[in-house]
Amino acid sequence: KEFISDSEIGGWMTVQVWQTVTERNRLIQRLLLQSIAIMAVVIVSAGLLVWFGIRRGLRPLTHFREAIVERSPEDLQPIKRALPTEIAPIVDATNYLFKRLSDELEQRETFISNAAHQLRNPIAGIQAMAEAGETAPTEKALRVRMKLLAEAARSTSRLTTQLLSLDRATGKSRDSLVQTINLVDLVSEVVSRHAPAALRRDVDMTFNAETRNILVKCDPVTLGEAVDNLIDNALKYGMQDRAELLVAVGVEAAQATVLVSDNGPGIPEKHRHEIFDRFNRGEEHAIAGSGLGLSIVKAVAERYGGTIALVSSTKGACFELRMPLALKEKSSPA
């Protein structure tokens, strides 16, 4: 109803509008179909735009993936393709990984090649001595040849042990093997093992420790092997008449130190720069060795954040092994 104010026609009037049900349903269907068509166009358009954007945006990563897939175990060269700056950190990290893998593989191949070369001659020598023992004319000759065979077998066993120690010292880190140990106890135990050999050779071997407790974090097996090699080298190459060998453990500048000093002939200056190289032997020494002792010491020291240095070689050789202390309060007075 609506009120109309007019001079001729006035008052309340009723206006009626009508529509058939069929027409109304047709209108609803038409509007619904239009809405569906518009939504479909919007969804498809948005999907195409997203697909195109993602495909275009991820194209550099696709190129990066292709560059990695094309690499082989023999090809670990850095990736040098032109890529957006957004993924430059990923490329740099991957190239750094390639470099580390390449260096590790090269180091392992060199080590295996050298180890095979070093083991070939001792094994051939053992075989020759065994064959010579079979043809010994007398029992006395047989005993002599068997003694030489046993010495060669012990030398080869020592070489094999040192190769395994070197691989353990330079191989993958094993955190489960690292523990806090008392360096004084470890070095004292190693010195005790060498005491009988020193007595047989009339060597005056002395062990000194500044404190009772010097704590370091390491694998005790590999560190024990390092100290063992230092003492063994001194007994082999540094001993002469009225020989003296000093093994000292102490603390200096927040580091634990192990000093192994002898009064032998020392190390010639021309060989000092290469004494820590693998399979290096001094030409002046007639005693056969593997050339791995000092390289094992260096590998162990570096693995646990330490150093090994030849601090003196004028009157005998003096090696100093340094390692970080485990705690702030590391030692107690004796």
C-alpha atoms as a PDB file:
ATOM      1  CA  LYS A   1       0.000   0.000   0.000  1.00  0.00           C
ATOM      2  CA  GLU A   2       1.105   3.530  -0.651  1.00  0.00           C
ATOM      3  CA  PHE A   3      -0.514   6.841   0.250  1.00  0.00           C
ATOM      4  CA  ILE A   4      -0.952   9.281  -2.675  1.00  0.00           C
ATOM      5  CA  SER A   5      -1.609  12.935  -2.069  1.00  0.00           C
ATOM      6  CA  ASP A   6      -3.402  14.389  -5.051  1.00  0.00           C
ATOM      7  CA  SER A   7      -6.296  16.869  -5.543  1.00  0.00           C
ATOM      8  CA  GLU A   8      -8.187  14.560  -7.819  1.00  0.00           C
ATOM      9  CA  ILE A   9      -6.962  11.156  -6.781  1.00  0.00           C
ATOM     10  CA  GLY A  10      -5.867  10.815  -3.205  1.00  0.00           C
ATOM     11  CA  GLY A  11      -5.815   8.345  -0.417  1.00  0.00           C
ATOM     12  CA  TRP A  12      -4.395   4.914   0.089  1.00  0.00           C
ATOM     13  CA  MET A  13      -3.784   2.851  -3.039  1.00  0.00           C
ATOM     14  CA  THR A  14      -2.756  -0.770  -3.407  1.00  0.00           C
ATOM     15  CA  VAL A  15      -0.193  -1.689  -6.104  1.00  0.00           C
ATOM     16  CA  GLN A  16       0.124  -5.389  -7.022  1.00  0.00           C
ATOM     17  CA  VAL A  17       2.980  -6.937  -9.086  1.00  0.00           C
ATOM     18  CA  TRP A  18       2.864 -10.539 -10.131  1.00  0.00           C
ATOM     19  CA  GLN A  19       5.176 -13.041 -11.885  1.00  0.00           C
ATOM     20  CA  THR A  20       4.688 -16.604 -12.895  1.00  0.00           C
ATOM     21  CA  VAL A  21       6.622 -19.318 -11.036  1.00  0.00           C
ATOM     22  CA  THR A  22       8.142 -20.540 -14.300  1.00  0.00           C
ATOM     23  CA  GLU A  23       9.648 -17.163 -15.103  1.00  0.00           C
ATOM     24  CA  ARG A  24      11.045 -16.820 -11.608  1.00  0.00           C
ATOM     25  CA  ASN A  25      12.728 -20.247 -11.794  1.00  0.00           C
ATOM     26  CA  ARG A  26      14.212 -19.401 -15.185  1.00  0.00           C
ATOM     27  CA  LEU A  27      15.658 -16.189 -13.768  1.00  0.00           C
ATOM     28  CA  ILE A  28      17.209 -18.062 -10.824  1.00  0.00           C
ATOM     29  CA  GLN A  29      18.743 -20.662 -13.137  1.00  0.00           C
ATOM     30  CA  ARG A  30      20.115 -17.994 -15.448  1.00  0.00           C
ATOM     31  CA  LEU A  31      21.741 -16.123 -12.572  1.00  0.00           C
ATOM     32  CA  LEU A  32      23.151 -19.339 -11.135  1.00  0.00           C
ATOM     33  CA  LEU A  33      24.682 -20.366 -14.477  1.00  0.00           C
ATOM     34  CA  GLN A  34      26.192 -16.937 -14.926  1.00  0.00           C
ATOM     35  CA  SER A  35      27.723 -17.105 -11.451  1.00  0.00           C
ATOM     36  CA  ILE A  36      29.137 -20.576 -12.126  1.00  0.00           C
ATOM     37  CA  ALA A  37      30.606 -19.460 -15.444  1.00  0.00           C
ATOM     38  CA  ILE A  38      32.214 -16.402 -13.864  1.00  0.00           C
ATOM     39  CA  MET A  39      33.674 -18.481 -10.988  1.00  0.00           C
ATOM     40  CA  ALA A  40      35.016 -21.090 -13.414  1.00  0.00           C
ATOM     41  CA  VAL A  41      36.751 -18.437 -15.492  1.00  0.00           C
ATOM     42  CA  VAL A  42      38.237 -16.875 -12.361  1.00  0.00           C
ATOM     43  CA  ILE A  43      39.457 -20.233 -11.005  1.00  0.00           C
ATOM     44  CA  VAL A  44      40.975 -21.358 -14.315  1.00  0.00           C
ATOM     45  CA  SER A  45      42.640 -17.992 -14.844  1.00  0.00           C
ATOM     46  CA  ALA A  46      44.058 -17.999 -11.327  1.00  0.00           C
ATOM     47  CA  GLY A  47      45.266 -21.573 -11.734  1.00  0.00           C
ATOM     48  CA  LEU A  48      47.011 -20.748 -15.014  1.00  0.00           C
ATOM     49  CA  LEU A  49      48.624 -17.677 -13.496  1.00  0.00           C
ATOM     50  CA  VAL A  50      49.828 -19.618 -10.441  1.00  0.00           C
ATOM     51  CA  TRP A  51      51.119 -22.487 -12.607  1.00  0.00           C
ATOM     52  CA  PHE A  52      52.941 -20.118 -14.918  1.00  0.00           C
ATOM     53  CA  GLY A  53      54.347 -18.094 -12.028  1.00  0.00           C
ATOM     54  CA  ILE A  54      55.573 -21.139 -10.114  1.00  0.00           C
ATOM     55  CA  ARG A  55      57.021 -22.732 -13.237  1.00  0.00           C
ATOM     56  CA  ARG A  56      58.810 -19.552 -14.177  1.00  0.00           C
ATOM     57  CA  GLY A  57      59.896 -18.829 -10.639  1.00  0.00           C
ATOM     58  CA  LEU A  58      61.249 -22.350 -10.060  1.00  0.00           C
ATOM     59  CA  ARG A  59      63.009 -22.550 -13.429  1.00  0.00           C
ATOM     60  CA  PRO A  60      66.379 -21.583 -11.860  1.00  0.00           C
ATOM     61  CA  LEU A  61      66.008 -24.406  -9.348  1.00  0.00           C
ATOM     62  CA  THR A  62      65.245 -26.766 -12.234  1.00  0.00           C
ATOM     63  CA  HIS A  63      68.450 -25.673 -13.944  1.00  0.00           C
ATOM     64  CA  PHE A  64      70.274 -26.093 -10.653  1.00  0.00           C
ATOM     65  CA  ARG A  65      68.877 -29.618 -10.283  1.00  0.00           C
ATOM     66  CA  GLU A  66      69.953 -30.479 -13.828  1.00  0.00           C
ATOM     67  CA  ALA A  67      73.455 -29.222 -13.089  1.00  0.00           C
ATOM     68  CA  ILE A  68      73.671 -31.545 -10.073  1.00  0.00           C
ATOM     69  CA  VAL A  69      72.186 -34.542 -11.915  1.00  0.00           C
ATOM     70  CA  GLU A  70      74.751 -34.148 -14.676  1.00  0.00           C
ATOM     71  CA  ARG A  71      77.577 -34.526 -12.172  1.00  0.00           C
ATOM     72  CA  SER A  72      79.323 -37.890 -11.810  1.00  0.00           C
ATOM     73  CA  PRO A  73      81.611 -39.227  -9.038  1.00  0.00           C
ATOM     74  CA  GLU A  74      84.545 -38.223 -11.245  1.00  0.00           C
ATOM     75  CA  ASP A  75      83.171 -34.722 -11.917  1.00  0.00           C
ATOM     76  CA  LEU A  76      82.881 -32.632  -8.777  1.00  0.00           C
ATOM     77  CA  GLN A  77      83.736 -29.305 -10.357  1.00  0.00           C
ATOM     78  CA  PRO A  78      81.903 -26.203  -9.034  1.00  0.00           C
ATOM     79  CA  ILE A  79      78.594 -25.253 -10.653  1.00  0.00           C
ATOM     80  CA  LYS A  80      79.196 -22.158 -12.786  1.00  0.00           C
ATOM     81  CA  ARG A  81      75.788 -21.674 -14.445  1.00  0.00           C
ATOM     82  CA  ALA A  82      74.209 -18.220 -14.408  1.00  0.00           C
ATOM     83  CA  LEU A  83      71.593 -18.417 -11.656  1.00  0.00           C
ATOM     84  CA  PRO A  84      69.571 -15.765  -9.773  1.00  0.00           C
ATOM     85  CA  THR A  85      71.111 -14.195  -6.730  1.00  0.00           C
ATOM     86  CA  GLU A  86      68.248 -15.562  -4.614  1.00  0.00           C
ATOM     87  CA  ILE A  87      69.661 -19.086  -4.750  1.00  0.00           C
ATOM     88  CA  ALA A  88      73.319 -18.039  -4.699  1.00  0.00           C
ATOM     89  CA  PRO A  89      73.768 -19.213  -1.055  1.00  0.00           C
ATOM     90  CA  ILE A  90      72.485 -22.689  -1.999  1.00  0.00           C
ATOM     91  CA  VAL A  91      74.859 -22.839  -4.978  1.00  0.00           C
ATOM     92  CA  ASP A  92      77.791 -21.708  -2.831  1.00  0.00           C
ATOM     93  CA  ALA A  93      76.998 -24.318  -0.183  1.00  0.00           C
ATOM     94  CA  THR A  94      76.741 -27.041  -2.835  1.00  0.00           C
ATOM     95  CA  ASN A  95      80.034 -26.002  -4.434  1.00  0.00           C
ATOM     96  CA  TYR A  96      81.669 -26.053  -1.009  1.00  0.00           C
ATOM     97  CA  LEU A  97      80.333 -29.578  -0.461  1.00  0.00           C
ATOM     98  CA  PHE A  98      81.677 -30.643  -3.871  1.00  0.00           C
ATOM     99  CA  LYS A  99      85.088 -29.267  -2.949  1.00  0.00           C
ATOM    100  CA  ARG A 100      85.146 -31.096   0.369  1.00  0.00           C
ATOM    101  CA  LEU A 101      84.090 -34.344  -1.294  1.00  0.00           C
ATOM    102  CA  SER A 102      86.692 -33.897  -4.016  1.00  0.00           C
ATOM    103  CA  ASP A 103      89.448 -33.242  -1.485  1.00  0.00           C
ATOM    104  CA  GLU A 104      88.363 -36.200   0.636  1.00  0.00           C
ATOM    105  CA  LEU A 105      88.220 -38.562  -2.345  1.00  0.00           C
ATOM    106  CA  GLU A 106      91.606 -37.392  -3.571  1.00  0.00           C
ATOM    107  CA  GLN A 107      93.065 -37.848  -0.097  1.00  0.00           C
ATOM    108  CA  ARG A 108      91.571 -41.328   0.230  1.00  0.00           C
ATOM    109  CA  GLU A 109      92.783 -42.394  -3.218  1.00  0.00           C
ATOM    110  CA  THR A 110      96.288 -41.168  -2.418  1.00  0.00           C
ATOM    111  CA  PHE A 111      96.229 -42.919   0.948  1.00  0.00           C
ATOM    112  CA  ILE A 112      95.013 -46.220  -0.518  1.00  0.00           C
ATOM    113  CA  SER A 113      97.583 -46.057  -3.293  1.00  0.00           C
ATOM    114  CA  ASN A 114     100.408 -45.340  -0.864  1.00  0.00           C
ATOM    115  CA  ALA A 115      99.195 -47.986   1.580  1.00  0.00           C
ATOM    116  CA  ALA A 116      99.034 -50.610  -1.160  1.00  0.00           C
ATOM    117  CA  HIS A 117     102.535 -49.674  -2.248  1.00  0.00           C
ATOM    118  CA  GLN A 118     103.844 -49.835   1.320  1.00  0.00           C
ATOM    119  CA  LEU A 119     102.245 -53.231   2.012  1.00  0.00           C
ATOM    120  CA  ARG A 120     103.330 -54.810  -1.265  1.00  0.00           C
ATOM    121  CA  ASN A 121     107.030 -55.088  -0.426  1.00  0.00           C
ATOM    122  CA  PRO A 122     106.635 -56.443   3.152  1.00  0.00           C
ATOM    123  CA  ILE A 123     104.139 -59.056   1.995  1.00  0.00           C
ATOM    124  CA  ALA A 124     106.427 -60.077  -0.853  1.00  0.00           C
ATOM    125  CA  GLY A 125     109.300 -60.277   1.651  1.00  0.00           C
ATOM    126  CA  ILE A 126     107.291 -62.519   3.981  1.00  0.00           C
ATOM    127  CA  GLN A 127     106.410 -64.793   1.078  1.00  0.00           C
ATOM    128  CA  ALA A 128     110.064 -65.000   0.006  1.00  0.00           C
ATOM    129  CA  MET A 129     111.230 -65.763   3.553  1.00  0.00           C
ATOM    130  CA  ALA A 130     108.567 -68.451   3.947  1.00  0.00           C
ATOM    131  CA  GLU A 131     109.673 -70.078   0.694  1.00  0.00           C
ATOM    132  CA  ALA A 132     113.297 -69.821   1.803  1.00  0.00           C
ATOM    133  CA  GLY A 133     112.391 -71.566   5.055  1.00  0.00           C
ATOM    134  CA  GLU A 134     110.975 -74.499   3.121  1.00  0.00           C
ATOM    135  CA  THR A 135     114.321 -75.020   1.392  1.00  0.00           C
ATOM    136  CA  ALA A 136     116.569 -74.496   4.435  1.00  0.00           C
ATOM    137  CA  PRO A 137     119.429 -77.044   4.240  1.00  0.00           C
ATOM    138  CA  THR A 138     119.869 -77.380   8.011  1.00  0.00           C
ATOM    139  CA  GLU A 139     117.853 -76.862  11.147  1.00  0.00           C
ATOM    140  CA  LYS A 140     120.113 -73.986  12.156  1.00  0.00           C
ATOM    141  CA  ALA A 141     119.516 -72.230   8.849  1.00  0.00           C
ATOM    142  CA  LEU A 142     115.793 -72.880   9.224  1.00  0.00           C
ATOM    143  CA  ARG A 143     115.770 -71.220  12.667  1.00  0.00           C
ATOM    144  CA  VAL A 144     117.595 -68.190  11.317  1.00  0.00           C
ATOM    145  CA  ARG A 145     115.159 -67.844   8.430  1.00  0.00           C
ATOM    146  CA  MET A 146     112.137 -68.323  10.702  1.00  0.00           C
ATOM    147  CA  LYS A 147     113.451 -65.608  13.000  1.00  0.00           C
ATOM    148  CA  LEU A 148     113.733 -63.231  10.052  1.00  0.00           C
ATOM    149  CA  LEU A 149     110.248 -64.262   8.949  1.00  0.00           C
ATOM    150  CA  ALA A 150     108.811 -63.517  12.409  1.00  0.00           C
ATOM    151  CA  GLU A 151     110.490 -60.101  12.468  1.00  0.00           C
ATOM    152  CA  ALA A 152     109.096 -59.296   9.015  1.00  0.00           C
ATOM    153  CA  ALA A 153     105.619 -60.417  10.112  1.00  0.00           C
ATOM    154  CA  ARG A 154     105.787 -58.212  13.227  1.00  0.00           C
ATOM    155  CA  SER A 155     106.913 -55.261  11.135  1.00  0.00           C
ATOM    156  CA  THR A 156     104.068 -55.801   8.678  1.00  0.00           C
ATOM    157  CA  SER A 157     101.584 -56.147  11.538  1.00  0.00           C
ATOM    158  CA  ARG A 158     102.834 -52.869  12.992  1.00  0.00           C
ATOM    159  CA  LEU A 159     102.490 -51.196   9.599  1.00  0.00           C
ATOM    160  CA  THR A 160      98.918 -52.464   9.244  1.00  0.00           C
ATOM    161  CA  THR A 161      98.040 -51.234  12.739  1.00  0.00           C
ATOM    162  CA  GLN A 162      99.447 -47.811  11.950  1.00  0.00           C
ATOM    163  CA  LEU A 163      97.494 -47.635   8.689  1.00  0.00           C
ATOM    164  CA  LEU A 164      94.288 -48.401  10.566  1.00  0.00           C
ATOM    165  CA  SER A 165      95.178 -45.814  13.221  1.00  0.00           C
ATOM    166  CA  LEU A 166      95.807 -43.188  10.567  1.00  0.00           C
ATOM    167  CA  ASP A 167      92.490 -43.978   8.878  1.00  0.00           C
ATOM    168  CA  ARG A 168      90.714 -43.748  12.224  1.00  0.00           C
ATOM    169  CA  ALA A 169      92.388 -40.432  13.026  1.00  0.00           C
ATOM    170  CA  THR A 170      91.583 -38.832   9.669  1.00  0.00           C
ATOM    171  CA  GLY A 171      88.267 -40.553   8.898  1.00  0.00           C
ATOM    172  CA  LYS A 172      84.692 -39.642   9.767  1.00  0.00           C
ATOM    173  CA  SER A 173      84.229 -38.078  13.151  1.00  0.00           C
ATOM    174  CA  ARG A 174      82.869 -40.463  15.790  1.00  0.00           C
ATOM    175  CA  ASP A 175      81.559 -38.379  18.641  1.00  0.00           C
ATOM    176  CA  SER A 176      80.654 -41.495  20.612  1.00  0.00           C
ATOM    177  CA  LEU A 177      84.367 -42.306  20.987  1.00  0.00           C
ATOM    178  CA  VAL A 178      85.278 -38.887  22.378  1.00  0.00           C
ATOM    179  CA  GLN A 179      85.426 -38.652  26.150  1.00  0.00           C
ATOM    180  CA  THR A 180      87.089 -36.607  28.863  1.00  0.00           C
ATOM    181  CA  ILE A 181      90.247 -38.352  30.052  1.00  0.00           C
ATOM    182  CA  ASN A 182      93.164 -37.665  32.351  1.00  0.00           C
ATOM    183  CA  LEU A 183      96.126 -37.064  30.054  1.00  0.00           C
ATOM    184  CA  VAL A 184      98.605 -37.840  32.838  1.00  0.00           C
ATOM    185  CA  ASP A 185      97.215 -41.350  33.311  1.00  0.00           C
ATOM    186  CA  LEU A 186      97.153 -42.032  29.577  1.00  0.00           C
ATOM    187  CA  VAL A 187     100.759 -40.916  28.971  1.00  0.00           C
ATOM    188  CA  SER A 188     101.944 -42.737  32.088  1.00  0.00           C
ATOM    189  CA  GLU A 189     100.399 -45.968  30.793  1.00  0.00           C
ATOM    190  CA  VAL A 190     102.079 -45.566  27.395  1.00  0.00           C
ATOM    191  CA  VAL A 191     105.457 -44.862  29.038  1.00  0.00           C
ATOM    192  CA  SER A 192     105.060 -48.009  31.154  1.00  0.00           C
ATOM    193  CA  ARG A 193     104.563 -50.109  28.024  1.00  0.00           C
ATOM    194  CA  HIS A 194     107.857 -48.831  26.594  1.00  0.00           C
ATOM    195  CA  ALA A 195     109.831 -49.214  29.825  1.00  0.00           C
ATOM    196  CA  PRO A 196     110.999 -52.827  29.167  1.00  0.00           C
ATOM    197  CA  ALA A 197     112.301 -51.916  25.705  1.00  0.00           C
ATOM    198  CA  ALA A 198     114.099 -48.883  27.144  1.00  0.00           C
ATOM    199  CA  LEU A 199     115.734 -51.034  29.834  1.00  0.00           C
ATOM    200  CA  ARG A 200     116.920 -53.596  27.291  1.00  0.00           C
ATOM    201  CA  ARG A 201     118.596 -50.804  25.329  1.00  0.00           C
ATOM    202  CA  ASP A 202     120.025 -49.182  28.465  1.00  0.00           C
ATOM    203  CA  VAL A 203     117.983 -46.018  27.916  1.00  0.00           C
ATOM    204  CA  ASP A 204     117.411 -43.690  30.849  1.00  0.00           C
ATOM    205  CA  MET A 205     113.727 -42.895  30.367  1.00  0.00           C
ATOM    206  CA  THR A 206     112.147 -40.290  32.684  1.00  0.00           C
ATOM    207  CA  PHE A 207     108.493 -39.350  33.073  1.00  0.00           C
ATOM    208  CA  ASN A 208     107.468 -36.023  34.628  1.00  0.00           C
ATOM    209  CA  ALA A 209     103.992 -34.589  35.260  1.00  0.00           C
ATOM    210  CA  GLU A 210     103.371 -31.085  36.563  1.00  0.00           C
ATOM    211  CA  THR A 211      99.960 -31.991  37.998  1.00  0.00           C
ATOM    212  CA  ARG A 212      97.966 -35.067  38.864  1.00  0.00           C
ATOM    213  CA  ASN A 213      95.027 -34.251  36.608  1.00  0.00           C
ATOM    214  CA  ILE A 214      95.111 -32.719  33.146  1.00  0.00           C
ATOM    215  CA  LEU A 215      91.776 -33.257  31.434  1.00  0.00           C
ATOM    216  CA  VAL A 216      91.351 -33.320  27.650  1.00  0.00           C
ATOM    217  CA  LYS A 217      88.563 -34.445  25.324  1.00  0.00           C
ATOM    218  CA  CYS A 218      89.568 -37.088  22.792  1.00  0.00           C
ATOM    219  CA  ASP A 219      89.366 -40.699  21.724  1.00  0.00           C
ATOM    220  CA  PRO A 220      91.830 -42.313  24.158  1.00  0.00           C
ATOM    221  CA  VAL A 221      92.780 -45.013  21.647  1.00  0.00           C
ATOM    222  CA  THR A 222      93.938 -42.615  18.930  1.00  0.00           C
ATOM    223  CA  LEU A 223      95.605 -40.217  21.373  1.00  0.00           C
ATOM    224  CA  GLY A 224      97.376 -43.143  23.031  1.00  0.00           C
ATOM    225  CA  GLU A 225      98.588 -44.240  19.599  1.00  0.00           C
ATOM    226  CA  ALA A 226      99.925 -40.730  18.954  1.00  0.00           C
ATOM    227  CA  VAL A 227     101.936 -40.650  22.198  1.00  0.00           C
ATOM    228  CA  ASP A 228     103.065 -44.231  21.556  1.00  0.00           C
ATOM    229  CA  ASN A 229     104.421 -43.200  18.161  1.00  0.00           C
ATOM    230  CA  LEU A 230     106.336 -40.255  19.610  1.00  0.00           C
ATOM    231  CA  ILE A 231     108.065 -42.469  22.173  1.00  0.00           C
ATOM    232  CA  ASP A 232     108.602 -45.293  19.680  1.00  0.00           C
ATOM    233  CA  ASN A 233     110.240 -42.895  17.204  1.00  0.00           C
ATOM    234  CA  ALA A 234     112.541 -41.586  19.921  1.00  0.00           C
ATOM    235  CA  LEU A 235     113.581 -45.118  20.931  1.00  0.00           C
ATOM    236  CA  LYS A 236     114.182 -46.122  17.314  1.00  0.00           C
ATOM    237  CA  TYR A 237     115.898 -43.077  15.872  1.00  0.00           C
ATOM    238  CA  GLY A 238     117.014 -40.901  18.767  1.00  0.00           C
ATOM    239  CA  MET A 239     118.919 -43.361  20.942  1.00  0.00           C
ATOM    240  CA  GLN A 240     122.708 -43.593  21.134  1.00  0.00           C
ATOM    241  CA  ASP A 241     125.326 -44.327  23.810  1.00  0.00           C
ATOM    242  CA  ARG A 242     124.230 -43.116  27.267  1.00  0.00           C
ATOM    243  CA  ALA A 243     120.839 -42.350  25.788  1.00  0.00           C
ATOM    244  CA  GLU A 244     118.310 -40.275  27.672  1.00  0.00           C
ATOM    245  CA  LEU A 245     114.604 -39.946  26.954  1.00  0.00           C
ATOM    246  CA  LEU A 246     112.319 -37.482  28.704  1.00  0.00           C
ATOM    247  CA  VAL A 247     108.517 -37.604  28.556  1.00  0.00           C
ATOM    248  CA  ALA A 248     106.823 -34.673  30.296  1.00  0.00           C
ATOM    249  CA  VAL A 249     103.163 -33.684  30.677  1.00  0.00           C
ATOM    250  CA  GLY A 250     102.112 -30.200  31.705  1.00  0.00           C
ATOM    251  CA  VAL A 251      99.855 -27.196  31.151  1.00  0.00           C
ATOM    252  CA  GLU A 252     100.846 -24.021  29.326  1.00  0.00           C
ATOM    253  CA  ALA A 253      98.713 -21.159  27.986  1.00  0.00           C
ATOM    254  CA  ALA A 254      95.430 -23.012  28.641  1.00  0.00           C
ATOM    255  CA  GLN A 255      96.665 -26.047  26.713  1.00  0.00           C
ATOM    256  CA  ALA A 256      97.799 -29.501  27.727  1.00  0.00           C
ATOM    257  CA  THR A 257     101.321 -30.333  26.558  1.00  0.00           C
ATOM    258  CA  VAL A 258     103.154 -33.613  26.019  1.00  0.00           C
ATOM    259  CA  LEU A 259     106.905 -33.222  25.517  1.00  0.00           C
ATOM    260  CA  VAL A 260     109.044 -36.096  24.180  1.00  0.00           C
ATOM    261  CA  SER A 261     112.735 -35.240  24.100  1.00  0.00           C
ATOM    262  CA  ASP A 262     115.848 -37.345  23.429  1.00  0.00           C
ATOM    263  CA  ASN A 263     119.581 -36.657  23.272  1.00  0.00           C
ATOM    264  CA  GLY A 264     120.117 -38.449  19.972  1.00  0.00           C
ATOM    265  CA  PRO A 265     121.556 -37.165  16.701  1.00  0.00           C
ATOM    266  CA  GLY A 266     118.520 -34.998  15.977  1.00  0.00           C
ATOM    267  CA  ILE A 267     116.852 -34.448  12.625  1.00  0.00           C
ATOM    268  CA  PRO A 268     118.812 -32.967   9.703  1.00  0.00           C
ATOM    269  CA  GLU A 269     117.570 -29.544   8.702  1.00  0.00           C
ATOM    270  CA  LYS A 270     116.813 -30.655   5.135  1.00  0.00           C
ATOM    271  CA  HIS A 271     114.284 -33.202   6.430  1.00  0.00           C
ATOM    272  CA  ARG A 272     112.540 -31.117   9.105  1.00  0.00           C
ATOM    273  CA  HIS A 273     109.886 -29.716   6.768  1.00  0.00           C
ATOM    274  CA  GLU A 274     108.734 -33.205   5.705  1.00  0.00           C
ATOM    275  CA  ILE A 275     108.923 -35.252   8.895  1.00  0.00           C
ATOM    276  CA  PHE A 276     105.122 -35.145   9.348  1.00  0.00           C
ATOM    277  CA  ASP A 277     104.408 -36.358   5.790  1.00  0.00           C
ATOM    278  CA  ARG A 278     103.006 -39.838   5.293  1.00  0.00           C
ATOM    279  CA  PHE A 279     105.459 -42.633   4.452  1.00  0.00           C
ATOM    280  CA  ASN A 280     108.420 -40.333   4.964  1.00  0.00           C
ATOM    281  CA  ARG A 281     111.587 -41.918   6.357  1.00  0.00           C
ATOM    282  CA  GLY A 282     114.905 -40.306   7.062  1.00  0.00           C
ATOM    283  CA  GLU A 283     117.623 -41.498   4.736  1.00  0.00           C
ATOM    284  CA  GLU A 284     120.230 -41.529   7.487  1.00  0.00           C
ATOM    285  CA  HIS A 285     118.469 -44.200   9.548  1.00  0.00           C
ATOM    286  CA  ALA A 286     119.126 -47.828   8.845  1.00  0.00           C
ATOM    287  CA  ILE A 287     116.181 -48.963  10.951  1.00  0.00           C
ATOM    288  CA  ALA A 288     113.211 -49.866   8.802  1.00  0.00           C
ATOM    289  CA  GLY A 289     109.988 -48.061   9.555  1.00  0.00           C
ATOM    290  CA  SER A 290     106.625 -47.359   8.005  1.00  0.00           C
ATOM    291  CA  GLY A 291     106.981 -43.589   7.897  1.00  0.00           C
ATOM    292  CA  LEU A 292     103.532 -43.233   9.457  1.00  0.00           C
ATOM    293  CA  GLY A 293     104.321 -42.506  13.118  1.00  0.00           C
ATOM    294  CA  LEU A 294     104.572 -38.726  13.016  1.00  0.00           C
ATOM    295  CA  SER A 295     101.820 -38.362  10.416  1.00  0.00           C
ATOM    296  CA  ILE A 296      99.486 -40.205  12.819  1.00  0.00           C
ATOM    297  CA  VAL A 297     100.496 -37.825  15.607  1.00  0.00           C
ATOM    298  CA  LYS A 298      99.740 -34.833  13.372  1.00  0.00           C
ATOM    299  CA  ALA A 299      96.354 -36.233  12.296  1.00  0.00           C
ATOM    300  CA  VAL A 300      95.319 -36.947  15.901  1.00  0.00           C
ATOM    301  CA  ALA A 301      96.432 -33.523  17.115  1.00  0.00           C
ATOM    302  CA  GLU A 302      94.550 -31.693  14.364  1.00  0.00           C
ATOM    303  CA  ARG A 303      91.424 -33.777  14.880  1.00  0.00           C
ATOM    304  CA  TYR A 304      91.097 -32.614  18.477  1.00  0.00           C
ATOM    305  CA  GLY A 305      92.113 -29.010  17.854  1.00  0.00           C
ATOM    306  CA  GLY A 306      95.764 -29.434  18.829  1.00  0.00           C
ATOM    307  CA  THR A 307      99.183 -29.132  17.228  1.00  0.00           C
ATOM    308  CA  ILE A 308     102.429 -31.080  17.004  1.00  0.00           C
ATOM    309  CA  ALA A 309     105.753 -29.360  16.431  1.00  0.00           C
ATOM    310  CA  LEU A 310     109.451 -30.062  16.420  1.00  0.00           C
ATOM    311  CA  VAL A 311     110.513 -27.448  18.973  1.00  0.00           C
ATOM    312  CA  SER A 312     114.197 -28.361  19.013  1.00  0.00           C
ATOM    313  CA  SER A 313     116.572 -30.536  17.004  1.00  0.00           C
ATOM    314  CA  THR A 314     120.020 -29.197  17.870  1.00  0.00           C
ATOM    315  CA  LYS A 315     120.852 -31.666  20.643  1.00  0.00           C
ATOM    316  CA  GLY A 316     118.523 -34.505  19.915  1.00  0.00           C
ATOM    317  CA  ALA A 317     114.891 -34.175  18.871  1.00  0.00           C
ATOM    318  CA  CYS A 318     112.184 -32.582  21.007  1.00  0.00           C
ATOM    319  CA  PHE A 319     108.551 -32.892  19.949  1.00  0.00           C
ATOM    320  CA  GLU A 320     105.725 -31.014  21.653  1.00  0.00           C
ATOM    321  CA  LEU A 321     102.107 -32.116  21.372  1.00  0.00           C
ATOM    322  CA  ARG A 322      99.530 -29.514  22.418  1.00  0.00           C
ATOM    323  CA  MET A 323      95.803 -30.036  22.988  1.00  0.00           C
ATOM    324  CA  PRO A 324      92.976 -27.842  24.356  1.00  0.00           C
ATOM    325  CA  LEU A 325      92.033 -28.446  27.948  1.00  0.00           C
ATOM    326  CA  ALA A 326      88.590 -29.870  28.610  1.00  0.00           C
ATOM    327  CA  LEU A 327      87.496 -27.489  31.408  1.00  0.00           C
ATOM    328  CA  LYS A 328      88.428 -24.181  32.978  1.00  0.00           C
ATOM    329  CA  GLU A 329      89.504 -25.911  36.157  1.00  0.00           C
ATOM    330  CA  LYS A 330      91.571 -28.568  34.483  1.00  0.00           C
ATOM    331  CA  SER A 331      94.366 -29.341  36.822  1.00  0.00           C
ATOM    332  CA  SER A 332      95.179 -29.562  40.494  1.00  0.00           C
ATOM    333  CA  PRO A 333      98.605 -29.097  42.111  1.00  0.00           C
ATOM    334  CA  ALA A 334     100.574 -32.201  42.867  1.00  0.00           C
END
